[in-house]
Amino acid sequence: MPKTSARLLALLSLLQVRRDWPGALLAERLDISPRTVRRDVDRLRELGYPIVATKGPDGGYRLDAGTELPPLLFDDEQAVALAVALQIATTAGAGIEEAAARALNTVRQVMPVRLRRRIDTLRVTAVERPAGPPYPQVDSSVLVALSAAVHAREVLRFDYRHGPDDTGDQTPPRRAQPHHLVTWDGCWYLVAWDLDREDWRTFRADRITPRTPTGPRFTPRELPGGDVAAFVADRFRGSDGSGDWPCRGEVILDLPAAAVSRYTRDGVVEELGPDRCRLVLGSWSWPGLAATIGRFDADIEVVGPAELKDAFAHLARRYANAATDATDATGGPYPSP
């Protein structure tokens, strides 16, 4: 028979994986007698775990929610998973970074040395973007309120700020049916059906101020495409929901395929020779696509479509004008690097 502490941990783990456990089945799984099961349940109750007895032909047990947080027991894999999740939470931008860091330190201190070493080899470091504004911070209470409305399927009323200088109180509150709370590029977004505009919208969570109480319950709608990740990606691409960029073109670059593929996220690169490749890439606009391709320091042959060729011509005129203005302002061309 296993030691009492190990047996209690095994019993608690079993109670967590299903709602109701017949006493006889618990005894069989733990290889102990039903009487020992009853004693171990009493020990867990003394530790603060709200285990209730269930009625029935065989009788059984259920782990319920309590009013206080009892001591938590984890097996090795659960402890490692918890520590990794807390490390990620310290960079989530959800307003819980400090609390997550303190919780991680607490968990790490009570870990056995063998587990602490595993955690230390999985340290997560937040790397800031090289340019651009910092990720917006969201009050954790706002995320809880949004998540609760999503879970309860209740209409949400909220004030919404369209920018940093907007207080959000100059317009009537928005009314929306919240469906999903997601993250994208370090920001939190609410995916919802806007009742006033009768269309799907994505709202920045850091610009939302929920109002109480929430509205009536609603029946969930079918999200276009059925997949929230694809839907959000399409919205930021400016796509029509087809799952593709609104603008897609094909060019040939005088560069090796291996050099080009390192800098294309969802483009298709085909090798045409040791120093030549075909690139098929998408973007939210034709000038944006041309500018993205133009960052490669190589000659470009546009295969198509005509809109991409026009975009290159448009950018060429814009860059030529910029170079002319710079020459006029400085009295001469810029020196070569």
Protein backbone atom coordinates (compact mmCIF):
# COMPACT_ATOMS: atom_id res chain seq x y z
CA MET A 1 0.00 0.00 0.00
CA PRO A 2 1.42 3.43 -0.87
CA LYS A 3 2.30 5.90 1.86
CA THR A 4 -0.51 8.08 3.17
CA SER A 5 0.73 11.31 1.54
CA ALA A 6 1.15 9.69 -1.88
CA ARG A 7 -2.22 8.00 -1.54
CA LEU A 8 -3.93 11.29 -0.68
CA LEU A 9 -2.39 12.91 -3.75
CA ALA A 10 -3.57 10.05 -5.96
CA LEU A 11 -7.07 10.23 -4.46
CA LEU A 12 -7.25 13.99 -4.99
CA SER A 13 -6.08 13.63 -8.60
CA LEU A 14 -8.82 11.07 -9.30
CA LEU A 15 -11.49 13.32 -7.76
CA GLN A 16 -10.41 16.13 -10.09
CA VAL A 17 -10.77 14.21 -13.37
CA ARG A 18 -14.48 13.31 -13.13
CA ARG A 19 -17.50 14.66 -11.29
CA ASP A 20 -18.69 11.60 -9.34
CA TRP A 21 -16.71 8.59 -8.15
CA PRO A 22 -18.33 5.45 -6.66
CA GLY A 23 -16.51 4.52 -3.46
CA ALA A 24 -15.90 0.96 -4.63
CA LEU A 25 -14.32 2.18 -7.88
CA LEU A 26 -12.01 4.55 -5.99
CA ALA A 27 -10.93 1.70 -3.74
CA GLU A 28 -10.23 -0.48 -6.78
CA ARG A 29 -8.23 2.23 -8.58
CA LEU A 30 -6.13 2.97 -5.48
CA ASP A 31 -5.82 -0.71 -4.47
CA ILE A 32 -7.11 -0.01 -0.97
CA SER A 33 -10.20 -0.92 1.01
CA PRO A 34 -13.42 1.14 1.01
CA ARG A 35 -12.79 1.86 4.69
CA THR A 36 -9.39 3.37 3.85
CA VAL A 37 -11.04 5.48 1.17
CA ARG A 38 -13.42 6.91 3.79
CA ARG A 39 -10.53 7.70 6.15
CA ASP A 40 -8.52 9.39 3.35
CA VAL A 41 -11.56 11.45 2.35
CA ASP A 42 -11.85 12.62 5.96
CA ARG A 43 -8.15 13.61 5.93
CA LEU A 44 -8.65 15.66 2.76
CA ARG A 45 -11.66 17.36 4.33
CA GLU A 46 -9.52 18.31 7.33
CA LEU A 47 -7.06 19.91 4.89
CA GLY A 48 -9.85 22.07 3.50
CA TYR A 49 -10.99 20.12 0.44
CA PRO A 50 -14.81 20.22 0.12
CA ILE A 51 -15.53 16.57 -0.65
CA VAL A 52 -19.18 15.59 -0.38
CA ALA A 53 -20.65 12.12 -0.23
CA THR A 54 -23.08 11.26 -3.03
CA LYS A 55 -26.10 9.04 -2.60
CA GLY A 56 -26.82 6.01 -4.70
CA PRO A 57 -26.68 2.22 -4.75
CA ASP A 58 -22.90 2.21 -4.28
CA GLY A 59 -22.41 5.61 -2.70
CA GLY A 60 -19.58 7.83 -3.80
CA TYR A 61 -17.71 11.11 -3.55
CA ARG A 62 -17.51 14.43 -5.35
CA LEU A 63 -15.03 17.31 -5.12
CA ASP A 64 -17.03 20.54 -4.84
CA ALA A 65 -16.07 24.21 -4.83
CA GLY A 66 -15.40 25.67 -1.39
CA THR A 67 -15.34 29.09 0.23
CA GLU A 68 -11.59 29.13 0.80
CA LEU A 69 -8.58 27.98 -1.21
CA PRO A 70 -7.22 24.76 0.33
CA PRO A 71 -3.61 23.61 0.03
CA LEU A 72 -3.00 22.61 -3.58
CA LEU A 73 -1.41 19.30 -4.47
CA PHE A 74 0.10 18.73 -7.91
CA ASP A 75 1.88 15.85 -9.53
CA ASP A 76 5.19 16.58 -11.29
CA GLU A 77 3.73 17.30 -14.73
CA GLN A 78 1.00 19.54 -13.30
CA ALA A 79 3.56 21.53 -11.33
CA VAL A 80 5.76 22.08 -14.39
CA ALA A 81 2.74 23.05 -16.53
CA LEU A 82 1.58 25.53 -13.87
CA ALA A 83 5.00 27.17 -13.64
CA VAL A 84 5.30 27.51 -17.43
CA ALA A 85 1.78 29.00 -17.63
CA LEU A 86 2.64 31.53 -14.93
CA GLN A 87 5.80 32.56 -16.81
CA ILE A 88 3.71 33.18 -19.92
CA ALA A 89 1.14 35.11 -17.86
CA THR A 90 3.83 37.57 -16.76
CA THR A 91 3.95 38.82 -20.37
CA ALA A 92 0.25 38.53 -21.24
CA GLY A 93 -0.66 42.21 -20.96
CA ALA A 94 -3.75 41.27 -18.95
CA GLY A 95 -3.00 43.37 -15.87
CA ILE A 96 -1.96 40.29 -13.85
CA GLU A 97 1.76 40.40 -14.53
CA GLU A 98 2.83 41.26 -10.97
CA ALA A 99 0.46 38.73 -9.41
CA ALA A 100 1.66 36.04 -11.84
CA ALA A 101 5.30 36.79 -11.00
CA ARG A 102 4.57 36.50 -7.26
CA ALA A 103 2.64 33.27 -7.77
CA LEU A 104 5.47 31.85 -9.88
CA ASN A 105 7.99 32.67 -7.16
CA THR A 106 5.78 31.00 -4.53
CA VAL A 107 5.35 27.84 -6.60
CA ARG A 108 9.05 27.65 -7.42
CA GLN A 109 10.10 27.96 -3.77
CA VAL A 110 8.12 24.89 -2.67
CA MET A 111 9.13 22.74 -5.64
CA PRO A 112 11.54 19.82 -5.22
CA VAL A 113 15.00 20.47 -6.62
CA ARG A 114 14.44 18.11 -9.55
CA LEU A 115 11.37 20.09 -10.68
CA ARG A 116 12.96 23.46 -10.03
CA ARG A 117 15.79 22.54 -12.39
CA ARG A 118 13.27 21.67 -15.11
CA ILE A 119 11.54 25.02 -14.64
CA ASP A 120 14.80 26.95 -14.72
CA THR A 121 15.60 25.47 -18.13
CA LEU A 122 12.23 26.70 -19.42
CA ARG A 123 12.52 30.35 -18.42
CA VAL A 124 10.36 32.61 -20.60
CA THR A 125 11.79 36.02 -21.46
CA ALA A 126 9.61 38.81 -22.77
CA VAL A 127 11.17 40.38 -25.86
CA GLU A 128 9.84 43.83 -26.69
CA ARG A 129 9.18 44.89 -30.24
CA PRO A 130 12.06 46.87 -31.75
CA ALA A 131 9.72 49.70 -32.70
CA GLY A 132 6.22 50.95 -32.11
CA PRO A 133 4.19 51.72 -29.00
CA PRO A 134 4.18 49.30 -26.05
CA TYR A 135 1.45 46.68 -25.83
CA PRO A 136 -1.66 48.15 -24.19
CA GLN A 137 -2.39 46.99 -20.67
CA VAL A 138 -5.88 45.76 -19.82
CA ASP A 139 -7.39 45.89 -16.35
CA SER A 140 -7.90 42.31 -15.20
CA SER A 141 -11.39 43.20 -13.94
CA VAL A 142 -12.34 44.18 -17.50
CA LEU A 143 -11.13 40.84 -18.86
CA VAL A 144 -13.09 39.02 -16.14
CA ALA A 145 -16.25 40.98 -16.99
CA LEU A 146 -15.88 40.34 -20.72
CA SER A 147 -15.15 36.67 -20.20
CA ALA A 148 -18.16 36.31 -17.89
CA ALA A 149 -20.45 37.88 -20.49
CA VAL A 150 -19.07 35.56 -23.18
CA HIS A 151 -19.59 32.53 -20.98
CA ALA A 152 -23.12 33.54 -19.88
CA ARG A 153 -24.14 34.56 -23.43
CA GLU A 154 -25.46 37.89 -22.14
CA VAL A 155 -25.70 41.13 -24.12
CA LEU A 156 -22.91 43.48 -23.10
CA ARG A 157 -23.28 47.25 -22.75
CA PHE A 158 -20.06 49.24 -22.68
CA ASP A 159 -18.42 52.58 -23.40
CA TYR A 160 -15.77 52.42 -26.10
CA ARG A 161 -12.81 54.73 -26.67
CA HIS A 162 -11.61 55.02 -30.27
CA GLY A 163 -8.23 56.49 -29.29
CA PRO A 164 -6.07 57.56 -26.33
CA ASP A 165 -7.70 61.01 -26.17
CA ASP A 166 -11.25 59.69 -26.43
CA THR A 167 -13.05 59.35 -23.09
CA GLY A 168 -15.78 57.20 -24.58
CA ASP A 169 -18.58 59.06 -22.77
CA GLN A 170 -19.54 61.35 -25.65
CA THR A 171 -21.50 58.67 -27.49
CA PRO A 172 -24.24 56.27 -26.39
CA PRO A 173 -22.98 52.97 -24.97
CA ARG A 174 -22.39 50.17 -27.44
CA ARG A 175 -24.56 47.06 -27.32
CA ALA A 176 -23.11 43.79 -28.51
CA GLN A 177 -23.45 40.04 -28.20
CA PRO A 178 -20.00 38.87 -27.02
CA HIS A 179 -18.79 35.62 -28.56
CA HIS A 180 -15.02 35.34 -28.04
CA LEU A 181 -12.21 36.99 -26.05
CA VAL A 182 -8.92 36.61 -27.97
CA THR A 183 -5.37 37.92 -28.13
CA TRP A 184 -3.63 39.12 -31.29
CA ASP A 185 -0.09 40.52 -31.43
CA GLY A 186 -0.02 41.30 -27.71
CA CYS A 187 -3.49 42.94 -27.61
CA TRP A 188 -6.77 41.62 -26.22
CA TYR A 189 -9.86 41.81 -28.41
CA LEU A 190 -13.55 41.08 -27.98
CA VAL A 191 -15.21 39.45 -30.99
CA ALA A 192 -18.89 40.36 -30.88
CA TRP A 193 -22.03 40.92 -32.93
CA ASP A 194 -22.76 44.67 -32.83
CA LEU A 195 -26.50 45.01 -32.29
CA ASP A 196 -26.68 48.61 -33.50
CA ARG A 197 -24.62 48.09 -36.66
CA GLU A 198 -25.90 44.56 -37.23
CA ASP A 199 -22.46 43.21 -38.11
CA TRP A 200 -19.48 41.46 -36.58
CA ARG A 201 -16.92 43.69 -34.85
CA THR A 202 -13.61 43.30 -33.04
CA PHE A 203 -13.19 45.66 -30.06
CA ARG A 204 -9.92 46.47 -28.29
CA ALA A 205 -10.38 45.26 -24.72
CA ASP A 206 -8.19 48.04 -23.29
CA ARG A 207 -10.66 50.59 -24.71
CA ILE A 208 -13.76 48.95 -23.25
CA THR A 209 -15.47 50.09 -20.06
CA PRO A 210 -18.23 47.57 -19.29
CA ARG A 211 -21.54 48.78 -17.92
CA THR A 212 -23.69 46.91 -15.44
CA PRO A 213 -25.95 45.13 -15.42
CA THR A 214 -25.56 43.06 -18.55
CA GLY A 215 -28.46 42.61 -20.92
CA PRO A 216 -30.62 39.59 -21.74
CA ARG A 217 -29.28 36.23 -22.79
CA PHE A 218 -28.89 35.53 -26.51
CA THR A 219 -28.51 32.58 -28.83
CA PRO A 220 -24.97 32.43 -30.24
CA ARG A 221 -24.59 33.25 -33.93
CA GLU A 222 -22.47 31.35 -36.42
CA LEU A 223 -19.14 33.15 -36.82
CA PRO A 224 -18.18 33.65 -40.50
CA GLY A 225 -15.93 30.77 -41.44
CA GLY A 226 -16.63 29.03 -38.14
CA ASP A 227 -13.10 29.56 -36.82
CA VAL A 228 -12.35 32.51 -34.54
CA ALA A 229 -8.59 32.49 -35.24
CA ALA A 230 -9.13 32.69 -39.01
CA PHE A 231 -11.84 35.32 -38.54
CA VAL A 232 -9.60 37.62 -36.50
CA ALA A 233 -6.67 37.12 -38.88
CA ASP A 234 -8.92 38.01 -41.83
CA ARG A 235 -10.14 41.17 -40.11
CA PHE A 236 -6.62 42.44 -39.56
CA ARG A 237 -5.69 41.57 -43.12
CA GLY A 238 -8.71 43.50 -44.38
CA SER A 239 -9.99 40.31 -45.98
CA ASP A 240 -13.57 39.56 -46.93
CA GLY A 241 -13.59 36.35 -44.90
CA SER A 242 -12.35 34.08 -47.68
CA GLY A 243 -9.27 33.20 -45.61
CA ASP A 244 -6.88 34.96 -47.99
CA TRP A 245 -5.31 38.39 -48.30
CA PRO A 246 -7.37 40.87 -50.33
CA CYS A 247 -4.33 41.51 -52.56
CA ARG A 248 -2.02 38.74 -53.73
CA GLY A 249 0.71 38.97 -56.34
CA GLU A 250 3.56 37.04 -57.90
CA VAL A 251 7.10 38.25 -58.62
CA ILE A 252 10.51 36.83 -59.50
CA LEU A 253 13.45 38.00 -57.38
CA ASP A 254 17.16 37.75 -58.14
CA LEU A 255 17.85 36.17 -54.77
CA PRO A 256 18.24 32.59 -53.50
CA ALA A 257 15.00 31.03 -52.25
CA ALA A 258 16.58 30.31 -48.87
CA ALA A 259 17.36 34.01 -48.34
CA VAL A 260 13.81 35.11 -49.22
CA SER A 261 11.94 32.43 -47.25
CA ARG A 262 13.49 33.61 -43.97
CA TYR A 263 11.56 36.89 -44.25
CA THR A 264 8.16 35.75 -45.50
CA ARG A 265 5.62 34.53 -42.98
CA ASP A 266 2.82 33.15 -45.16
CA GLY A 267 4.27 33.63 -48.63
CA VAL A 268 5.17 30.84 -51.03
CA VAL A 269 8.77 30.77 -52.27
CA GLU A 270 9.85 28.57 -55.18
CA GLU A 271 13.48 28.08 -56.17
CA LEU A 272 14.17 28.83 -59.84
CA GLY A 273 17.95 28.63 -59.70
CA PRO A 274 20.90 29.24 -57.38
CA ASP A 275 20.22 33.00 -57.27
CA ARG A 276 16.64 33.27 -58.47
CA CYS A 277 13.25 32.49 -56.96
CA ARG A 278 9.52 32.98 -57.41
CA LEU A 279 7.59 34.68 -54.58
CA VAL A 280 3.79 34.65 -54.14
CA LEU A 281 2.74 36.97 -51.34
CA GLY A 282 -0.37 38.70 -50.00
CA SER A 283 -1.06 42.00 -48.27
CA TRP A 284 -3.89 44.31 -47.23
CA SER A 285 -3.34 46.66 -50.21
CA TRP A 286 -1.45 46.73 -53.50
CA PRO A 287 0.93 49.56 -52.41
CA GLY A 288 1.50 47.66 -49.17
CA LEU A 289 2.35 44.51 -51.10
CA ALA A 290 4.70 46.39 -53.43
CA ALA A 291 6.45 48.04 -50.47
CA THR A 292 6.85 44.66 -48.73
CA ILE A 293 8.43 43.10 -51.82
CA GLY A 294 10.57 46.20 -52.38
CA ARG A 295 12.43 45.65 -49.12
CA PHE A 296 14.38 42.83 -50.77
CA ASP A 297 17.61 44.26 -52.19
CA ALA A 298 17.27 42.65 -55.62
CA ASP A 299 15.89 43.18 -59.10
CA ILE A 300 12.17 42.44 -59.35
CA GLU A 301 10.18 41.02 -62.24
CA VAL A 302 6.41 41.32 -61.74
CA VAL A 303 4.54 38.27 -63.02
CA GLY A 304 1.15 39.67 -62.07
CA PRO A 305 -1.42 40.93 -61.66
CA ALA A 306 -1.57 44.35 -63.33
CA GLU A 307 -2.59 45.99 -60.04
CA LEU A 308 0.78 45.06 -58.56
CA LYS A 309 2.64 46.61 -61.51
CA ASP A 310 0.60 49.79 -61.07
CA ALA A 311 1.43 49.84 -57.37
CA PHE A 312 5.15 49.62 -58.12
CA ALA A 313 4.81 52.53 -60.57
CA HIS A 314 2.89 54.53 -57.98
CA LEU A 315 5.56 53.95 -55.33
CA ALA A 316 8.33 54.72 -57.83
CA ARG A 317 6.84 58.16 -58.49
CA ARG A 318 6.37 58.75 -54.77
CA TYR A 319 9.95 57.76 -53.95
CA ALA A 320 11.30 59.84 -56.86
CA ASN A 321 9.44 62.88 -55.53
CA ALA A 322 10.79 62.23 -52.05
CA ALA A 323 14.34 61.99 -53.40
CA THR A 324 13.88 65.24 -55.34
CA ASP A 325 12.61 67.04 -52.24
CA ALA A 326 15.56 65.75 -50.22
CA THR A 327 18.03 66.96 -52.89
CA ASP A 328 16.44 70.40 -52.97
CA ALA A 329 16.49 70.70 -49.20
CA THR A 330 20.14 69.72 -48.78
CA GLY A 331 21.59 71.29 -51.92
CA GLY A 332 22.80 67.99 -53.29
CA PRO A 333 22.24 64.27 -53.28
CA TYR A 334 22.81 62.18 -50.17
CA PRO A 335 26.30 60.65 -50.01
CA SER A 336 26.59 56.95 -50.67
CA PRO A 337 26.82 54.78 -47.54
